[in-house]
Amino acid sequence: MKQLTAKEVETMLIENKDLNLVDVREVDEVAAGKIPGAIHIPLGLLEFRMHELDKSKEYIMVCRSGGRSGRACQLLESNGFKVINMAGGMLDWEGKTE
């Protein structure tokens, strides 16, 4: 599984790279702040909402610490998606939130 650190993702956003971020945390966690522009799909709903994602794009998966996003990567990879796990998750995130 491909991985990026939170700092690498933040740097890519600062450089205005076109990123597709998917936050798989629960609603109450996201309410406390998420990376600007990230799509919110709780891990428990990902299997039922993956049709909303485009297989031609690469997605960076985000959660609190990197565990759930790792499971999300496994699920999406097994269904033909290109994904990267943000290691360390929001616990390591020092960038802006919304």
N, C-alpha and C. Protein backbone atom coordinates (compact mmCIF):
# COMPACT_ATOMS: atom_id res chain seq x y z
N MET A 1 0.85 -1.19 0.00
CA MET A 1 0.00 0.00 0.00
C MET A 1 0.89 1.24 0.00
N LYS A 2 0.59 2.16 -0.90
CA LYS A 2 1.34 3.41 -0.96
C LYS A 2 0.95 4.29 0.23
N GLN A 3 1.93 5.02 0.76
CA GLN A 3 1.66 5.91 1.89
C GLN A 3 2.35 7.25 1.69
N LEU A 4 1.75 8.28 2.26
CA LEU A 4 2.35 9.60 2.36
C LEU A 4 2.23 10.04 3.81
N THR A 5 3.15 10.88 4.27
CA THR A 5 3.00 11.44 5.61
C THR A 5 2.05 12.63 5.54
N ALA A 6 1.54 13.02 6.69
CA ALA A 6 0.67 14.20 6.75
C ALA A 6 1.41 15.43 6.22
N LYS A 7 2.70 15.54 6.54
CA LYS A 7 3.50 16.69 6.09
C LYS A 7 3.62 16.69 4.56
N GLU A 8 3.80 15.52 3.95
CA GLU A 8 3.89 15.44 2.48
C GLU A 8 2.58 15.87 1.84
N VAL A 9 1.46 15.46 2.42
CA VAL A 9 0.15 15.86 1.90
C VAL A 9 -0.03 17.37 2.04
N GLU A 10 0.35 17.91 3.20
CA GLU A 10 0.24 19.36 3.43
C GLU A 10 1.07 20.13 2.41
N THR A 11 2.29 19.67 2.15
CA THR A 11 3.17 20.33 1.17
C THR A 11 2.54 20.30 -0.21
N MET A 12 1.94 19.18 -0.59
CA MET A 12 1.29 19.07 -1.90
C MET A 12 0.11 20.04 -2.01
N LEU A 13 -0.63 20.21 -0.92
CA LEU A 13 -1.75 21.17 -0.93
C LEU A 13 -1.24 22.60 -1.06
N ILE A 14 -0.16 22.92 -0.33
CA ILE A 14 0.43 24.27 -0.41
C ILE A 14 0.90 24.55 -1.84
N GLU A 15 1.41 23.52 -2.52
CA GLU A 15 1.87 23.66 -3.90
C GLU A 15 0.71 23.62 -4.90
N ASN A 16 -0.52 23.64 -4.39
CA ASN A 16 -1.73 23.63 -5.22
C ASN A 16 -1.85 22.41 -6.12
N LYS A 17 -1.33 21.27 -5.66
CA LYS A 17 -1.50 20.03 -6.40
C LYS A 17 -2.99 19.65 -6.33
N ASP A 18 -3.47 19.02 -7.38
CA ASP A 18 -4.87 18.61 -7.44
C ASP A 18 -5.00 17.26 -6.71
N LEU A 19 -5.40 17.31 -5.45
CA LEU A 19 -5.50 16.11 -4.64
C LEU A 19 -6.96 15.71 -4.42
N ASN A 20 -7.19 14.42 -4.33
CA ASN A 20 -8.51 13.88 -4.01
C ASN A 20 -8.41 13.22 -2.65
N LEU A 21 -8.87 13.94 -1.63
CA LEU A 21 -8.79 13.44 -0.26
C LEU A 21 -10.12 12.89 0.18
N VAL A 22 -10.10 11.73 0.83
CA VAL A 22 -11.32 11.13 1.38
C VAL A 22 -11.08 10.89 2.86
N ASP A 23 -11.89 11.52 3.70
CA ASP A 23 -11.81 11.38 5.16
C ASP A 23 -12.80 10.30 5.57
N VAL A 24 -12.29 9.22 6.19
CA VAL A 24 -13.16 8.09 6.54
C VAL A 24 -13.51 8.06 8.03
N ARG A 25 -13.27 9.17 8.74
CA ARG A 25 -13.62 9.23 10.16
C ARG A 25 -15.13 9.36 10.34
N GLU A 26 -15.57 9.24 11.59
CA GLU A 26 -16.99 9.37 11.90
C GLU A 26 -17.41 10.85 11.88
N VAL A 27 -18.73 11.09 11.82
CA VAL A 27 -19.28 12.43 11.71
C VAL A 27 -18.79 13.36 12.82
N ASP A 28 -18.79 12.88 14.08
CA ASP A 28 -18.37 13.74 15.19
C ASP A 28 -16.88 14.10 15.10
N GLU A 29 -16.06 13.20 14.57
CA GLU A 29 -14.64 13.49 14.42
C GLU A 29 -14.41 14.56 13.35
N VAL A 30 -15.12 14.44 12.24
CA VAL A 30 -14.99 15.40 11.15
C VAL A 30 -15.51 16.77 11.57
N ALA A 31 -16.52 16.79 12.43
CA ALA A 31 -17.08 18.06 12.91
C ALA A 31 -16.02 18.88 13.65
N ALA A 32 -15.03 18.21 14.23
CA ALA A 32 -13.96 18.90 14.95
C ALA A 32 -12.92 19.49 13.99
N GLY A 33 -13.04 19.18 12.70
CA GLY A 33 -12.14 19.74 11.70
C GLY A 33 -11.62 18.69 10.74
N LYS A 34 -11.65 19.04 9.45
CA LYS A 34 -11.10 18.15 8.42
C LYS A 34 -10.23 18.97 7.48
N ILE A 35 -9.45 18.28 6.68
CA ILE A 35 -8.59 18.96 5.71
C ILE A 35 -9.50 19.64 4.67
N PRO A 36 -9.25 20.92 4.37
CA PRO A 36 -10.10 21.62 3.40
C PRO A 36 -10.17 20.87 2.06
N GLY A 37 -11.39 20.70 1.57
CA GLY A 37 -11.60 20.04 0.29
C GLY A 37 -11.77 18.54 0.36
N ALA A 38 -11.55 17.95 1.53
CA ALA A 38 -11.68 16.50 1.66
C ALA A 38 -13.15 16.09 1.57
N ILE A 39 -13.39 14.96 0.92
CA ILE A 39 -14.73 14.37 0.85
C ILE A 39 -14.89 13.52 2.12
N HIS A 40 -16.06 13.60 2.76
CA HIS A 40 -16.28 12.79 3.97
C HIS A 40 -17.14 11.59 3.64
N ILE A 41 -16.55 10.39 3.79
CA ILE A 41 -17.29 9.14 3.66
C ILE A 41 -16.85 8.26 4.83
N PRO A 42 -17.67 8.12 5.88
CA PRO A 42 -17.28 7.26 7.01
C PRO A 42 -16.92 5.85 6.53
N LEU A 43 -15.91 5.26 7.15
CA LEU A 43 -15.44 3.93 6.74
C LEU A 43 -16.58 2.93 6.64
N GLY A 44 -17.52 2.95 7.58
CA GLY A 44 -18.63 2.00 7.57
C GLY A 44 -19.55 2.14 6.37
N LEU A 45 -19.51 3.30 5.69
CA LEU A 45 -20.36 3.53 4.52
C LEU A 45 -19.60 3.44 3.21
N LEU A 46 -18.28 3.30 3.29
CA LEU A 46 -17.45 3.34 2.08
C LEU A 46 -17.84 2.29 1.05
N GLU A 47 -18.10 1.08 1.52
CA GLU A 47 -18.48 -0.01 0.62
C GLU A 47 -19.73 0.35 -0.19
N PHE A 48 -20.65 1.09 0.44
CA PHE A 48 -21.92 1.43 -0.20
C PHE A 48 -21.85 2.72 -1.01
N ARG A 49 -20.77 3.51 -0.79
CA ARG A 49 -20.66 4.81 -1.48
C ARG A 49 -19.48 4.86 -2.45
N MET A 50 -18.77 3.75 -2.64
CA MET A 50 -17.60 3.80 -3.53
C MET A 50 -17.98 4.12 -4.96
N HIS A 51 -19.26 3.94 -5.32
CA HIS A 51 -19.71 4.31 -6.67
C HIS A 51 -19.59 5.83 -6.90
N GLU A 52 -19.46 6.60 -5.81
CA GLU A 52 -19.32 8.06 -5.92
C GLU A 52 -17.90 8.45 -6.33
N LEU A 53 -16.97 7.50 -6.24
CA LEU A 53 -15.57 7.77 -6.57
C LEU A 53 -15.26 7.36 -8.00
N ASP A 54 -14.24 7.97 -8.58
CA ASP A 54 -13.86 7.76 -9.98
C ASP A 54 -12.59 6.91 -10.04
N LYS A 55 -12.67 5.74 -10.67
CA LYS A 55 -11.51 4.83 -10.73
C LYS A 55 -10.34 5.40 -11.51
N SER A 56 -10.57 6.45 -12.29
CA SER A 56 -9.46 7.05 -13.06
C SER A 56 -8.65 8.02 -12.20
N LYS A 57 -9.12 8.33 -11.00
CA LYS A 57 -8.43 9.26 -10.11
C LYS A 57 -7.72 8.50 -8.99
N GLU A 58 -6.72 9.15 -8.40
CA GLU A 58 -6.03 8.59 -7.24
C GLU A 58 -6.53 9.31 -6.00
N TYR A 59 -6.84 8.54 -4.95
CA TYR A 59 -7.39 9.10 -3.72
C TYR A 59 -6.43 8.94 -2.56
N ILE A 60 -6.35 9.96 -1.72
CA ILE A 60 -5.58 9.91 -0.49
C ILE A 60 -6.59 9.72 0.64
N MET A 61 -6.44 8.62 1.37
CA MET A 61 -7.37 8.27 2.43
C MET A 61 -6.86 8.81 3.76
N VAL A 62 -7.78 9.40 4.55
CA VAL A 62 -7.42 10.06 5.81
C VAL A 62 -8.33 9.56 6.93
N CYS A 63 -7.74 9.32 8.12
CA CYS A 63 -8.53 9.04 9.32
C CYS A 63 -7.83 9.69 10.51
N ARG A 64 -8.11 9.23 11.71
CA ARG A 64 -7.51 9.85 12.89
C ARG A 64 -6.03 9.53 13.01
N SER A 65 -5.66 8.23 12.84
CA SER A 65 -4.27 7.84 13.07
C SER A 65 -3.64 7.05 11.91
N GLY A 66 -4.42 6.65 10.94
CA GLY A 66 -3.90 5.90 9.79
C GLY A 66 -4.39 4.47 9.70
N GLY A 67 -5.04 3.97 10.75
CA GLY A 67 -5.54 2.59 10.76
C GLY A 67 -6.77 2.38 9.89
N ARG A 68 -7.81 3.18 10.15
CA ARG A 68 -9.05 3.04 9.35
C ARG A 68 -8.81 3.40 7.90
N SER A 69 -7.97 4.42 7.66
CA SER A 69 -7.69 4.79 6.27
C SER A 69 -6.93 3.66 5.57
N GLY A 70 -6.11 2.91 6.33
CA GLY A 70 -5.43 1.74 5.77
C GLY A 70 -6.43 0.68 5.35
N ARG A 71 -7.44 0.44 6.19
CA ARG A 71 -8.49 -0.53 5.84
C ARG A 71 -9.29 -0.03 4.63
N ALA A 72 -9.53 1.29 4.57
CA ALA A 72 -10.24 1.87 3.43
C ALA A 72 -9.43 1.66 2.15
N CYS A 73 -8.11 1.82 2.24
CA CYS A 73 -7.25 1.59 1.08
C CYS A 73 -7.36 0.16 0.60
N GLN A 74 -7.33 -0.80 1.52
CA GLN A 74 -7.44 -2.21 1.15
C GLN A 74 -8.76 -2.49 0.43
N LEU A 75 -9.85 -1.95 0.97
CA LEU A 75 -11.17 -2.15 0.36
C LEU A 75 -11.21 -1.56 -1.04
N LEU A 76 -10.75 -0.32 -1.17
CA LEU A 76 -10.82 0.33 -2.49
C LEU A 76 -9.86 -0.31 -3.49
N GLU A 77 -8.64 -0.67 -3.05
CA GLU A 77 -7.69 -1.33 -3.95
C GLU A 77 -8.26 -2.64 -4.48
N SER A 78 -8.94 -3.39 -3.61
CA SER A 78 -9.51 -4.67 -4.04
C SER A 78 -10.66 -4.48 -5.02
N ASN A 79 -11.15 -3.23 -5.13
CA ASN A 79 -12.22 -2.92 -6.08
C ASN A 79 -11.71 -2.09 -7.26
N GLY A 80 -10.38 -2.06 -7.44
CA GLY A 80 -9.81 -1.43 -8.63
C GLY A 80 -9.50 0.05 -8.53
N PHE A 81 -9.50 0.62 -7.33
CA PHE A 81 -9.18 2.04 -7.16
C PHE A 81 -7.70 2.23 -6.88
N LYS A 82 -7.19 3.42 -7.25
CA LYS A 82 -5.81 3.81 -6.93
C LYS A 82 -5.87 4.66 -5.66
N VAL A 83 -5.21 4.21 -4.61
CA VAL A 83 -5.30 4.89 -3.32
C VAL A 83 -3.95 5.01 -2.63
N ILE A 84 -3.85 6.02 -1.77
CA ILE A 84 -2.66 6.24 -0.93
C ILE A 84 -3.17 6.47 0.49
N ASN A 85 -2.50 5.87 1.46
CA ASN A 85 -2.87 6.06 2.86
C ASN A 85 -2.07 7.23 3.43
N MET A 86 -2.74 8.16 4.14
CA MET A 86 -2.03 9.23 4.83
C MET A 86 -1.63 8.70 6.21
N ALA A 87 -0.37 8.26 6.32
CA ALA A 87 0.15 7.68 7.55
C ALA A 87 0.12 8.72 8.68
N GLY A 88 -0.27 8.28 9.86
CA GLY A 88 -0.32 9.18 11.01
C GLY A 88 -1.63 9.93 11.15
N GLY A 89 -2.39 9.98 10.06
CA GLY A 89 -3.71 10.59 10.07
C GLY A 89 -3.77 12.01 10.61
N MET A 90 -4.94 12.39 11.10
CA MET A 90 -5.16 13.75 11.58
C MET A 90 -4.36 14.05 12.86
N LEU A 91 -3.92 13.00 13.56
CA LEU A 91 -3.09 13.24 14.74
C LEU A 91 -1.78 13.91 14.35
N ASP A 92 -1.29 13.62 13.13
CA ASP A 92 -0.05 14.22 12.64
C ASP A 92 -0.27 15.46 11.80
N TRP A 93 -1.53 15.79 11.50
CA TRP A 93 -1.85 16.92 10.61
C TRP A 93 -1.59 18.25 11.32
N GLU A 94 -0.79 19.12 10.70
CA GLU A 94 -0.49 20.44 11.26
C GLU A 94 -1.00 21.55 10.37
N GLY A 95 -1.61 21.18 9.24
CA GLY A 95 -2.10 22.18 8.29
C GLY A 95 -3.46 22.73 8.68
N LYS A 96 -4.05 23.48 7.76
CA LYS A 96 -5.36 24.10 7.99
C LYS A 96 -6.45 23.04 8.06
N THR A 97 -7.51 23.37 8.81
CA THR A 97 -8.70 22.52 8.84
C THR A 97 -9.92 23.40 8.62
N GLU A 98 -11.01 22.77 8.25
CA GLU A 98 -12.28 23.50 8.08
C GLU A 98 -13.37 22.80 8.84
